[in-house]
N, C-alpha and C. Protein backbone atom coordinates (compact mmCIF):
# COMPACT_ATOMS: atom_id res chain seq x y z
N MET A 1 0.84 -1.18 0.00
CA MET A 1 0.00 0.00 0.00
C MET A 1 0.89 1.24 0.00
N ASN A 2 0.33 2.31 -0.50
CA ASN A 2 1.12 3.54 -0.53
C ASN A 2 0.88 4.38 0.72
N MET A 3 1.64 5.46 0.84
CA MET A 3 1.60 6.28 2.05
C MET A 3 0.20 6.83 2.32
N LYS A 4 -0.47 7.30 1.30
CA LYS A 4 -1.80 7.89 1.49
C LYS A 4 -2.76 6.86 2.10
N THR A 5 -2.73 5.64 1.58
CA THR A 5 -3.61 4.59 2.10
C THR A 5 -3.25 4.27 3.55
N HIS A 6 -1.96 4.25 3.87
CA HIS A 6 -1.54 3.96 5.25
C HIS A 6 -1.98 5.07 6.20
N VAL A 7 -1.89 6.31 5.78
CA VAL A 7 -2.33 7.43 6.63
C VAL A 7 -3.84 7.38 6.84
N ILE A 8 -4.58 7.14 5.76
CA ILE A 8 -6.04 7.01 5.87
C ILE A 8 -6.38 5.83 6.79
N GLY A 9 -5.69 4.72 6.59
CA GLY A 9 -5.93 3.54 7.42
C GLY A 9 -5.60 3.78 8.88
N GLY A 10 -4.50 4.49 9.15
CA GLY A 10 -4.13 4.81 10.53
C GLY A 10 -5.14 5.72 11.20
N ALA A 11 -5.60 6.74 10.47
CA ALA A 11 -6.60 7.65 11.02
C ALA A 11 -7.91 6.91 11.27
N ALA A 12 -8.30 6.09 10.31
CA ALA A 12 -9.54 5.31 10.46
C ALA A 12 -9.44 4.36 11.65
N ALA A 13 -8.32 3.68 11.76
CA ALA A 13 -8.14 2.74 12.87
C ALA A 13 -8.20 3.47 14.21
N ALA A 14 -7.61 4.66 14.28
CA ALA A 14 -7.62 5.43 15.53
C ALA A 14 -9.03 5.83 15.92
N VAL A 15 -9.78 6.38 14.98
CA VAL A 15 -11.14 6.84 15.26
C VAL A 15 -12.04 5.65 15.60
N ILE A 16 -11.92 4.60 14.83
CA ILE A 16 -12.76 3.41 15.06
C ILE A 16 -12.39 2.74 16.39
N PHE A 17 -11.09 2.67 16.70
CA PHE A 17 -10.65 2.09 17.97
C PHE A 17 -11.25 2.85 19.14
N LYS A 18 -11.15 4.17 19.10
CA LYS A 18 -11.71 4.98 20.20
C LYS A 18 -13.22 4.83 20.30
N SER A 19 -13.89 4.72 19.16
CA SER A 19 -15.34 4.61 19.17
C SER A 19 -15.81 3.26 19.68
N PHE A 20 -15.16 2.19 19.23
CA PHE A 20 -15.60 0.86 19.62
C PHE A 20 -15.13 0.44 21.00
N THR A 21 -14.12 1.11 21.54
CA THR A 21 -13.74 0.82 22.92
C THR A 21 -14.54 1.69 23.88
N HIS A 22 -15.39 2.54 23.32
CA HIS A 22 -16.26 3.43 24.09
C HIS A 22 -15.45 4.32 25.03
N ALA A 23 -14.25 4.67 24.56
CA ALA A 23 -13.41 5.58 25.36
C ALA A 23 -14.02 6.97 25.32
N PRO A 24 -14.27 7.55 26.48
CA PRO A 24 -14.86 8.89 26.49
C PRO A 24 -13.88 9.94 25.98
N VAL A 25 -14.43 10.99 25.41
CA VAL A 25 -13.61 12.13 25.00
C VAL A 25 -13.35 12.93 26.26
N VAL A 26 -12.21 12.72 26.86
CA VAL A 26 -11.90 13.36 28.13
C VAL A 26 -11.32 14.75 27.88
N VAL A 27 -10.23 14.81 27.15
CA VAL A 27 -9.60 16.08 26.82
C VAL A 27 -9.21 16.05 25.35
N TRP A 28 -9.40 17.16 24.68
CA TRP A 28 -9.13 17.22 23.24
C TRP A 28 -7.66 17.01 22.92
N HIS A 29 -6.76 17.57 23.74
CA HIS A 29 -5.34 17.41 23.42
C HIS A 29 -4.91 15.95 23.55
N GLY A 30 -5.55 15.20 24.44
CA GLY A 30 -5.26 13.77 24.55
C GLY A 30 -5.73 13.00 23.33
N GLU A 31 -6.91 13.36 22.83
CA GLU A 31 -7.44 12.73 21.61
C GLU A 31 -6.53 13.04 20.42
N LEU A 32 -6.11 14.30 20.32
CA LEU A 32 -5.23 14.69 19.21
C LEU A 32 -3.88 13.99 19.30
N LEU A 33 -3.36 13.83 20.51
CA LEU A 33 -2.10 13.13 20.71
C LEU A 33 -2.23 11.67 20.28
N PHE A 34 -3.34 11.04 20.67
CA PHE A 34 -3.60 9.65 20.29
C PHE A 34 -3.67 9.52 18.77
N ILE A 35 -4.42 10.38 18.11
CA ILE A 35 -4.58 10.30 16.65
C ILE A 35 -3.25 10.62 15.96
N GLY A 36 -2.50 11.59 16.47
CA GLY A 36 -1.18 11.89 15.91
C GLY A 36 -0.24 10.72 16.03
N ALA A 37 -0.25 10.05 17.19
CA ALA A 37 0.60 8.87 17.38
C ALA A 37 0.16 7.74 16.44
N ALA A 38 -1.13 7.61 16.23
CA ALA A 38 -1.63 6.58 15.31
C ALA A 38 -1.19 6.88 13.88
N LEU A 39 -1.22 8.14 13.49
CA LEU A 39 -0.76 8.51 12.14
C LEU A 39 0.73 8.21 11.98
N PHE A 40 1.51 8.56 12.99
CA PHE A 40 2.95 8.26 12.96
C PHE A 40 3.17 6.75 12.95
N GLY A 41 2.42 6.04 13.78
CA GLY A 41 2.53 4.58 13.83
C GLY A 41 2.13 3.92 12.53
N SER A 42 1.22 4.56 11.78
CA SER A 42 0.80 3.98 10.51
C SER A 42 1.89 4.08 9.44
N LEU A 43 2.88 4.91 9.66
CA LEU A 43 4.01 5.03 8.72
C LEU A 43 5.26 4.32 9.21
N LEU A 44 5.36 4.11 10.51
CA LEU A 44 6.57 3.59 11.14
C LEU A 44 7.05 2.24 10.61
N PRO A 45 6.20 1.27 10.33
CA PRO A 45 6.72 -0.02 9.84
C PRO A 45 7.50 0.08 8.53
N ASP A 46 7.31 1.14 7.77
CA ASP A 46 8.06 1.27 6.51
C ASP A 46 9.46 1.83 6.71
N LEU A 47 9.95 1.82 7.96
CA LEU A 47 11.35 2.16 8.20
C LEU A 47 12.28 1.23 7.41
N CYS A 48 11.79 0.05 7.08
CA CYS A 48 12.60 -0.94 6.36
C CYS A 48 12.68 -0.67 4.86
N HIS A 49 12.04 0.38 4.39
CA HIS A 49 12.02 0.69 2.96
C HIS A 49 12.59 2.10 2.75
N PRO A 50 13.86 2.20 2.29
CA PRO A 50 14.48 3.52 2.13
C PRO A 50 13.75 4.46 1.17
N GLY A 51 12.91 3.92 0.29
CA GLY A 51 12.16 4.76 -0.64
C GLY A 51 10.84 5.27 -0.10
N SER A 52 10.45 4.80 1.08
CA SER A 52 9.19 5.22 1.68
C SER A 52 9.32 6.63 2.25
N PHE A 53 8.21 7.22 2.62
CA PHE A 53 8.22 8.58 3.19
C PHE A 53 9.09 8.62 4.44
N ILE A 54 8.86 7.72 5.37
CA ILE A 54 9.63 7.73 6.62
C ILE A 54 11.05 7.23 6.38
N GLY A 55 11.23 6.35 5.39
CA GLY A 55 12.56 5.88 5.04
C GLY A 55 13.45 6.98 4.50
N ARG A 56 12.85 7.89 3.73
CA ARG A 56 13.62 9.03 3.19
C ARG A 56 14.00 10.01 4.30
N LYS A 57 13.17 10.10 5.34
CA LYS A 57 13.44 11.02 6.44
C LYS A 57 14.51 10.47 7.39
N THR A 58 14.64 9.15 7.43
CA THR A 58 15.61 8.49 8.31
C THR A 58 16.49 7.57 7.46
N MET A 59 17.10 8.11 6.43
CA MET A 59 17.78 7.33 5.41
C MET A 59 18.81 6.36 5.97
N LEU A 60 19.66 6.79 6.87
CA LEU A 60 20.71 5.93 7.40
C LEU A 60 20.12 4.73 8.14
N LEU A 61 19.17 5.00 9.04
CA LEU A 61 18.51 3.94 9.78
C LEU A 61 17.74 3.02 8.84
N SER A 62 17.03 3.59 7.90
CA SER A 62 16.23 2.82 6.96
C SER A 62 17.09 1.89 6.11
N LYS A 63 18.19 2.41 5.60
CA LYS A 63 19.09 1.56 4.80
C LYS A 63 19.68 0.44 5.64
N GLY A 64 20.01 0.74 6.89
CA GLY A 64 20.56 -0.29 7.77
C GLY A 64 19.56 -1.41 8.03
N ILE A 65 18.32 -1.03 8.32
CA ILE A 65 17.27 -2.03 8.57
C ILE A 65 17.00 -2.84 7.30
N SER A 66 16.92 -2.15 6.17
CA SER A 66 16.65 -2.82 4.89
C SER A 66 17.75 -3.81 4.54
N LYS A 67 18.99 -3.39 4.71
CA LYS A 67 20.12 -4.26 4.37
C LYS A 67 20.21 -5.46 5.31
N THR A 68 19.93 -5.23 6.59
CA THR A 68 20.04 -6.29 7.59
C THR A 68 18.87 -7.27 7.55
N PHE A 69 17.64 -6.74 7.44
CA PHE A 69 16.46 -7.59 7.56
C PHE A 69 15.66 -7.74 6.28
N GLY A 70 15.68 -6.76 5.40
CA GLY A 70 14.85 -6.78 4.20
C GLY A 70 13.54 -6.05 4.45
N HIS A 71 12.72 -6.00 3.40
CA HIS A 71 11.45 -5.27 3.46
C HIS A 71 10.33 -6.18 3.94
N ARG A 72 9.45 -5.63 4.75
CA ARG A 72 8.29 -6.32 5.32
C ARG A 72 8.66 -7.56 6.13
N THR A 73 9.69 -7.41 6.93
CA THR A 73 10.10 -8.51 7.81
C THR A 73 9.96 -8.05 9.26
N VAL A 74 11.05 -7.66 9.89
CA VAL A 74 11.04 -7.34 11.31
C VAL A 74 10.13 -6.15 11.65
N THR A 75 10.07 -5.14 10.80
CA THR A 75 9.24 -3.97 11.12
C THR A 75 7.76 -4.21 10.82
N HIS A 76 7.45 -5.31 10.18
CA HIS A 76 6.07 -5.67 9.89
C HIS A 76 5.68 -6.93 10.68
N SER A 77 6.28 -7.10 11.84
CA SER A 77 6.07 -8.33 12.61
C SER A 77 5.64 -8.03 14.04
N TRP A 78 5.40 -9.08 14.76
CA TRP A 78 5.04 -8.98 16.16
C TRP A 78 6.17 -8.34 16.96
N LEU A 79 7.40 -8.46 16.49
CA LEU A 79 8.53 -7.85 17.18
C LEU A 79 8.43 -6.32 17.19
N MET A 80 7.96 -5.75 16.10
CA MET A 80 7.77 -4.30 16.03
C MET A 80 6.69 -3.87 17.02
N LEU A 81 5.60 -4.62 17.06
CA LEU A 81 4.52 -4.29 18.00
C LEU A 81 5.00 -4.41 19.44
N LEU A 82 5.78 -5.43 19.72
CA LEU A 82 6.34 -5.60 21.06
C LEU A 82 7.28 -4.43 21.41
N PHE A 83 8.11 -4.03 20.45
CA PHE A 83 9.00 -2.90 20.67
C PHE A 83 8.22 -1.61 20.96
N LEU A 84 7.18 -1.34 20.17
CA LEU A 84 6.37 -0.14 20.39
C LEU A 84 5.67 -0.19 21.75
N TYR A 85 5.18 -1.35 22.12
CA TYR A 85 4.53 -1.51 23.42
C TYR A 85 5.52 -1.25 24.55
N TRP A 86 6.74 -1.76 24.38
CA TRP A 86 7.76 -1.61 25.41
C TRP A 86 8.31 -0.19 25.47
N ALA A 87 8.55 0.44 24.33
CA ALA A 87 9.23 1.74 24.29
C ALA A 87 8.32 2.91 24.61
N ALA A 88 7.05 2.82 24.29
CA ALA A 88 6.14 3.97 24.43
C ALA A 88 5.98 4.48 25.86
N PRO A 89 6.02 3.65 26.90
CA PRO A 89 5.86 4.21 28.25
C PRO A 89 6.94 5.20 28.65
N TYR A 90 8.02 5.27 27.90
CA TYR A 90 9.09 6.19 28.23
C TYR A 90 8.89 7.55 27.59
N TRP A 91 7.74 7.75 26.94
CA TRP A 91 7.42 9.03 26.33
C TRP A 91 7.23 10.06 27.44
N PRO A 92 7.77 11.26 27.27
CA PRO A 92 7.67 12.26 28.34
C PRO A 92 6.29 12.91 28.45
N TYR A 93 6.14 13.73 29.43
CA TYR A 93 4.97 14.59 29.64
C TYR A 93 3.71 13.84 30.07
N GLY A 94 3.85 12.67 30.63
CA GLY A 94 2.70 11.96 31.15
C GLY A 94 1.69 11.51 30.11
N ALA A 95 2.12 11.41 28.87
CA ALA A 95 1.20 11.04 27.80
C ALA A 95 1.47 9.62 27.30
N ALA A 96 2.13 8.82 28.10
CA ALA A 96 2.58 7.51 27.65
C ALA A 96 1.45 6.61 27.15
N ASN A 97 0.32 6.59 27.87
CA ASN A 97 -0.77 5.69 27.46
C ASN A 97 -1.35 6.07 26.10
N MET A 98 -1.58 7.36 25.90
CA MET A 98 -2.13 7.81 24.61
C MET A 98 -1.16 7.53 23.47
N VAL A 99 0.12 7.79 23.70
CA VAL A 99 1.13 7.55 22.67
C VAL A 99 1.25 6.05 22.39
N GLN A 100 1.30 5.27 23.44
CA GLN A 100 1.44 3.82 23.29
C GLN A 100 0.27 3.24 22.50
N GLU A 101 -0.94 3.56 22.90
CA GLU A 101 -2.11 3.06 22.19
C GLU A 101 -2.12 3.54 20.74
N GLY A 102 -1.84 4.81 20.52
CA GLY A 102 -1.85 5.36 19.17
C GLY A 102 -0.83 4.70 18.27
N LEU A 103 0.41 4.57 18.76
CA LEU A 103 1.45 3.92 17.96
C LEU A 103 1.07 2.49 17.62
N LEU A 104 0.54 1.76 18.59
CA LEU A 104 0.15 0.37 18.34
C LEU A 104 -1.00 0.26 17.35
N VAL A 105 -2.01 1.10 17.51
CA VAL A 105 -3.15 1.07 16.59
C VAL A 105 -2.69 1.41 15.17
N GLY A 106 -1.85 2.43 15.04
CA GLY A 106 -1.34 2.82 13.72
C GLY A 106 -0.49 1.74 13.09
N ALA A 107 0.42 1.16 13.87
CA ALA A 107 1.29 0.11 13.33
C ALA A 107 0.50 -1.14 12.95
N ILE A 108 -0.49 -1.49 13.76
CA ILE A 108 -1.33 -2.65 13.44
C ILE A 108 -2.10 -2.40 12.14
N SER A 109 -2.59 -1.17 11.97
CA SER A 109 -3.31 -0.86 10.72
C SER A 109 -2.37 -0.98 9.53
N HIS A 110 -1.13 -0.52 9.68
CA HIS A 110 -0.15 -0.60 8.60
C HIS A 110 0.12 -2.06 8.24
N ILE A 111 0.38 -2.87 9.24
CA ILE A 111 0.69 -4.28 9.00
C ILE A 111 -0.50 -4.98 8.37
N ALA A 112 -1.70 -4.71 8.85
CA ALA A 112 -2.91 -5.32 8.28
C ALA A 112 -3.10 -4.89 6.82
N LEU A 113 -2.88 -3.63 6.52
CA LEU A 113 -3.03 -3.15 5.14
C LEU A 113 -1.99 -3.80 4.22
N ASP A 114 -0.75 -3.94 4.69
CA ASP A 114 0.27 -4.59 3.86
C ASP A 114 0.00 -6.09 3.72
N ALA A 115 -0.70 -6.67 4.67
CA ALA A 115 -1.09 -8.08 4.55
C ALA A 115 -2.19 -8.25 3.50
N MET A 116 -2.78 -7.14 3.07
CA MET A 116 -3.80 -7.19 2.01
C MET A 116 -3.19 -7.09 0.61
N THR A 117 -1.85 -7.04 0.53
CA THR A 117 -1.20 -6.99 -0.78
C THR A 117 -0.74 -8.39 -1.17
N SER A 118 -0.38 -8.55 -2.43
CA SER A 118 0.02 -9.88 -2.92
C SER A 118 1.27 -10.39 -2.22
N ARG A 119 2.15 -9.51 -1.82
CA ARG A 119 3.39 -9.92 -1.16
C ARG A 119 3.19 -10.30 0.30
N GLY A 120 2.21 -9.71 0.95
CA GLY A 120 1.96 -9.99 2.36
C GLY A 120 3.08 -9.49 3.25
N VAL A 121 3.10 -9.99 4.49
CA VAL A 121 4.11 -9.60 5.48
C VAL A 121 4.61 -10.84 6.20
N GLN A 122 5.80 -10.73 6.78
CA GLN A 122 6.33 -11.82 7.61
C GLN A 122 6.00 -11.49 9.07
N PHE A 123 4.74 -11.66 9.43
CA PHE A 123 4.30 -11.27 10.76
C PHE A 123 4.98 -12.08 11.86
N PHE A 124 5.33 -13.33 11.58
CA PHE A 124 5.94 -14.19 12.60
C PHE A 124 7.46 -14.19 12.53
N TYR A 125 8.04 -13.13 11.93
CA TYR A 125 9.49 -13.02 11.81
C TYR A 125 10.15 -13.31 13.15
N PRO A 126 11.18 -14.10 13.21
CA PRO A 126 12.10 -14.58 12.19
C PRO A 126 11.67 -15.84 11.44
N ILE A 127 10.50 -16.37 11.75
CA ILE A 127 10.01 -17.51 10.97
C ILE A 127 9.59 -16.97 9.60
N PRO A 128 10.15 -17.52 8.52
CA PRO A 128 9.92 -16.95 7.18
C PRO A 128 8.59 -17.37 6.54
N ILE A 129 7.51 -17.10 7.24
CA ILE A 129 6.17 -17.40 6.73
C ILE A 129 5.51 -16.08 6.36
N ARG A 130 5.04 -15.99 5.13
CA ARG A 130 4.34 -14.78 4.69
C ARG A 130 2.86 -14.90 5.04
N VAL A 131 2.31 -13.83 5.59
CA VAL A 131 0.90 -13.77 5.95
C VAL A 131 0.23 -12.77 5.00
N ARG A 132 -0.85 -13.21 4.37
CA ARG A 132 -1.61 -12.29 3.52
C ARG A 132 -3.06 -12.72 3.49
N PHE A 133 -3.92 -11.77 3.19
CA PHE A 133 -5.34 -12.05 3.08
C PHE A 133 -5.59 -12.82 1.78
N PRO A 134 -6.62 -13.66 1.76
CA PRO A 134 -6.91 -14.43 0.54
C PRO A 134 -7.23 -13.54 -0.66
N LEU A 135 -7.93 -12.45 -0.42
CA LEU A 135 -8.18 -11.47 -1.48
C LEU A 135 -7.22 -10.33 -1.25
N PHE A 136 -6.45 -9.99 -2.27
CA PHE A 136 -5.44 -8.96 -2.08
C PHE A 136 -5.57 -7.86 -3.12
N ILE A 137 -4.91 -6.74 -2.81
CA ILE A 137 -4.97 -5.53 -3.63
C ILE A 137 -3.56 -5.22 -4.12
N LYS A 138 -3.44 -4.87 -5.38
CA LYS A 138 -2.14 -4.49 -5.92
C LYS A 138 -1.84 -3.04 -5.52
N THR A 139 -0.64 -2.83 -5.00
CA THR A 139 -0.23 -1.49 -4.56
C THR A 139 -0.25 -0.51 -5.73
N GLY A 140 -0.88 0.64 -5.51
CA GLY A 140 -0.96 1.68 -6.52
C GLY A 140 -2.06 1.49 -7.55
N SER A 141 -2.86 0.46 -7.39
CA SER A 141 -3.91 0.16 -8.37
C SER A 141 -5.16 0.99 -8.10
N ILE A 142 -6.09 0.92 -9.03
CA ILE A 142 -7.39 1.58 -8.85
C ILE A 142 -8.11 0.96 -7.66
N ALA A 143 -7.96 -0.34 -7.48
CA ALA A 143 -8.59 -1.02 -6.34
C ALA A 143 -8.09 -0.45 -5.02
N GLU A 144 -6.80 -0.11 -4.94
CA GLU A 144 -6.27 0.48 -3.71
C GLU A 144 -6.89 1.85 -3.47
N LYS A 145 -7.03 2.64 -4.53
CA LYS A 145 -7.63 3.96 -4.39
C LYS A 145 -9.10 3.84 -3.96
N GLN A 146 -9.81 2.90 -4.53
CA GLN A 146 -11.21 2.70 -4.15
C GLN A 146 -11.31 2.21 -2.71
N PHE A 147 -10.43 1.31 -2.32
CA PHE A 147 -10.41 0.83 -0.95
C PHE A 147 -10.11 1.97 0.02
N GLY A 148 -9.13 2.81 -0.32
CA GLY A 148 -8.79 3.97 0.52
C GLY A 148 -9.96 4.93 0.66
N THR A 149 -10.69 5.13 -0.43
CA THR A 149 -11.86 6.00 -0.40
C THR A 149 -12.94 5.42 0.51
N PHE A 150 -13.16 4.12 0.43
CA PHE A 150 -14.14 3.45 1.28
C PHE A 150 -13.75 3.59 2.76
N VAL A 151 -12.48 3.36 3.07
CA VAL A 151 -12.01 3.47 4.46
C VAL A 151 -12.13 4.90 4.95
N LEU A 152 -11.81 5.87 4.10
CA LEU A 152 -11.94 7.28 4.46
C LEU A 152 -13.39 7.64 4.74
N LEU A 153 -14.30 7.14 3.94
CA LEU A 153 -15.73 7.38 4.15
C LEU A 153 -16.20 6.78 5.47
N ALA A 154 -15.80 5.53 5.73
CA ALA A 154 -16.19 4.88 6.99
C ALA A 154 -15.62 5.63 8.19
N ALA A 155 -14.37 6.06 8.08
CA ALA A 155 -13.75 6.81 9.19
C ALA A 155 -14.43 8.16 9.38
N SER A 156 -14.81 8.81 8.29
CA SER A 156 -15.48 10.11 8.38
C SER A 156 -16.82 9.99 9.08
N ILE A 157 -17.57 8.97 8.74
CA ILE A 157 -18.87 8.76 9.38
C ILE A 157 -18.68 8.50 10.87
N THR A 158 -17.70 7.67 11.20
CA THR A 158 -17.42 7.36 12.60
C THR A 158 -16.95 8.62 13.34
N LEU A 159 -16.11 9.41 12.68
CA LEU A 159 -15.61 10.65 13.27
C LEU A 159 -16.74 11.62 13.56
N ILE A 160 -17.62 11.78 12.60
CA ILE A 160 -18.78 12.68 12.78
C ILE A 160 -19.64 12.20 13.94
N HIS A 161 -19.86 10.90 14.00
CA HIS A 161 -20.68 10.35 15.08
C HIS A 161 -20.02 10.55 16.43
N ARG A 162 -18.70 10.34 16.50
CA ARG A 162 -18.00 10.43 17.78
C ARG A 162 -17.84 11.85 18.28
N TYR A 163 -17.46 12.76 17.40
CA TYR A 163 -17.08 14.10 17.86
C TYR A 163 -18.11 15.19 17.63
N ILE A 164 -19.03 14.98 16.73
CA ILE A 164 -19.99 16.04 16.44
C ILE A 164 -21.38 15.70 16.96
N VAL A 165 -21.86 14.51 16.64
CA VAL A 165 -23.21 14.13 17.06
C VAL A 165 -23.30 14.02 18.57
N LEU A 166 -22.21 13.57 19.21
CA LEU A 166 -22.25 13.37 20.66
C LEU A 166 -22.11 14.67 21.46
N LEU A 167 -21.85 15.79 20.79
CA LEU A 167 -21.69 17.06 21.54
C LEU A 167 -22.97 17.54 22.10
């Protein structure tokens, strides 16, 4: 999937996660922090791809990960989720829970979206088993754009229901 689809997927996952867990809107800055962390988390697994948006921003790290592990391996696996779960509580300013949840929701959405492609992901890395959905979407295709539009629409409806209708 491309960056736009991952960002849409991360935002949708964040809004839907908050809505379906029935988490109350306590403070707006906390909600924004959670959604921002989810957006960042939705791009983070592509650290293993030097040509990706985040890979270009962290070129040295990205090339190192790519050369050592390859694409869609360690950063698209349970190890990445475990790392994010472990590292997020060290976030400053007492926002650890919001950041941790957001990063995990975003990263899970990224991994799930990449599992919808023909190549899939090595979720059980270091075991070299590729995981993919039975029906898959070609990256950059019209189907991906239509899927992204559908997810954006679903997220928008959920967002309106959560933040506007409930006011």
